[in-house]
Amino acid sequence: MKNSNKAWDKFFIAFGIITVLSGIYLTLQENYLIGISGSMIGVWLVLQNLKKIKE
């Protein structure tokens, strides 16, 4: 079944980008554990939802 609701996918892409940026900021503030793991989650969100939009 094809996902017809692209608005939520775009919302989660934006949320993923914000998560990556905040993860980078936390890493620069020497909070490595939360910063790196947050960035990884943000990249995962962006890639997963970009794949949904392309389908």
C-alpha atoms as a PDB file:
ATOM      1  CA  MET A   1       0.000   0.000   0.000  1.00  0.00           C
ATOM      2  CA  LYS A   2       1.419   3.333  -1.044  1.00  0.00           C
ATOM      3  CA  ASN A   3       1.649   6.132   1.520  1.00  0.00           C
ATOM      4  CA  SER A   4      -0.367   9.085   0.226  1.00  0.00           C
ATOM      5  CA  ASN A   5       0.227  11.422   3.186  1.00  0.00           C
ATOM      6  CA  LYS A   6       3.455  13.256   2.293  1.00  0.00           C
ATOM      7  CA  ALA A   7       3.004  15.994   4.898  1.00  0.00           C
ATOM      8  CA  TRP A   8       4.016  13.708   7.763  1.00  0.00           C
ATOM      9  CA  ASP A   9       7.036  12.496   5.838  1.00  0.00           C
ATOM     10  CA  LYS A  10       8.171  16.079   5.272  1.00  0.00           C
ATOM     11  CA  PHE A  11       7.566  16.868   8.944  1.00  0.00           C
ATOM     12  CA  PHE A  12       9.773  13.974  10.034  1.00  0.00           C
ATOM     13  CA  ILE A  13      12.484  15.004   7.545  1.00  0.00           C
ATOM     14  CA  ALA A  14      12.516  18.464   9.124  1.00  0.00           C
ATOM     15  CA  PHE A  15      12.521  16.925  12.595  1.00  0.00           C
ATOM     16  CA  GLY A  16      15.448  14.705  11.585  1.00  0.00           C
ATOM     17  CA  ILE A  17      17.430  17.695  10.320  1.00  0.00           C
ATOM     18  CA  ILE A  18      16.804  19.542  13.588  1.00  0.00           C
ATOM     19  CA  THR A  19      17.902  16.443  15.488  1.00  0.00           C
ATOM     20  CA  VAL A  20      21.143  16.219  13.494  1.00  0.00           C
ATOM     21  CA  LEU A  21      21.894  19.887  14.111  1.00  0.00           C
ATOM     22  CA  SER A  22      21.230  19.616  17.828  1.00  0.00           C
ATOM     23  CA  GLY A  23      23.375  16.468  17.973  1.00  0.00           C
ATOM     24  CA  ILE A  24      26.247  18.324  16.347  1.00  0.00           C
ATOM     25  CA  TYR A  25      25.802  21.180  18.801  1.00  0.00           C
ATOM     26  CA  LEU A  26      25.842  18.784  21.762  1.00  0.00           C
ATOM     27  CA  THR A  27      28.951  17.096  20.417  1.00  0.00           C
ATOM     28  CA  LEU A  28      30.695  20.464  20.167  1.00  0.00           C
ATOM     29  CA  GLN A  29      29.687  21.124  23.771  1.00  0.00           C
ATOM     30  CA  GLU A  30      31.553  17.899  24.711  1.00  0.00           C
ATOM     31  CA  ASN A  31      28.397  15.919  25.456  1.00  0.00           C
ATOM     32  CA  TYR A  32      29.496  13.164  23.116  1.00  0.00           C
ATOM     33  CA  LEU A  33      27.171  10.298  24.057  1.00  0.00           C
ATOM     34  CA  ILE A  34      23.923  12.187  23.533  1.00  0.00           C
ATOM     35  CA  GLY A  35      25.256  14.252  20.625  1.00  0.00           C
ATOM     36  CA  ILE A  36      26.517  11.386  18.482  1.00  0.00           C
ATOM     37  CA  SER A  37      23.553   9.110  19.160  1.00  0.00           C
ATOM     38  CA  GLY A  38      21.129  11.964  18.483  1.00  0.00           C
ATOM     39  CA  SER A  39      22.825  12.705  15.189  1.00  0.00           C
ATOM     40  CA  MET A  40      22.593   9.056  14.182  1.00  0.00           C
ATOM     41  CA  ILE A  41      18.850   9.007  14.949  1.00  0.00           C
ATOM     42  CA  GLY A  42      18.376  12.212  12.961  1.00  0.00           C
ATOM     43  CA  VAL A  43      20.182  10.798   9.922  1.00  0.00           C
ATOM     44  CA  TRP A  44      18.072   7.637  10.174  1.00  0.00           C
ATOM     45  CA  LEU A  45      14.856   9.701  10.261  1.00  0.00           C
ATOM     46  CA  VAL A  46      15.871  11.763   7.241  1.00  0.00           C
ATOM     47  CA  LEU A  47      16.947   8.769   5.143  1.00  0.00           C
ATOM     48  CA  GLN A  48      13.889   6.692   6.007  1.00  0.00           C
ATOM     49  CA  ASN A  49      11.435   9.439   5.126  1.00  0.00           C
ATOM     50  CA  LEU A  50      13.281  10.454   1.960  1.00  0.00           C
ATOM     51  CA  LYS A  51      12.941   6.846   0.850  1.00  0.00           C
ATOM     52  CA  LYS A  52       9.186   6.957   1.560  1.00  0.00           C
ATOM     53  CA  ILE A  53       8.758  10.131  -0.495  1.00  0.00           C
ATOM     54  CA  LYS A  54      10.636   8.667  -3.471  1.00  0.00           C
ATOM     55  CA  GLU A  55       8.380   5.584  -3.543  1.00  0.00           C
END
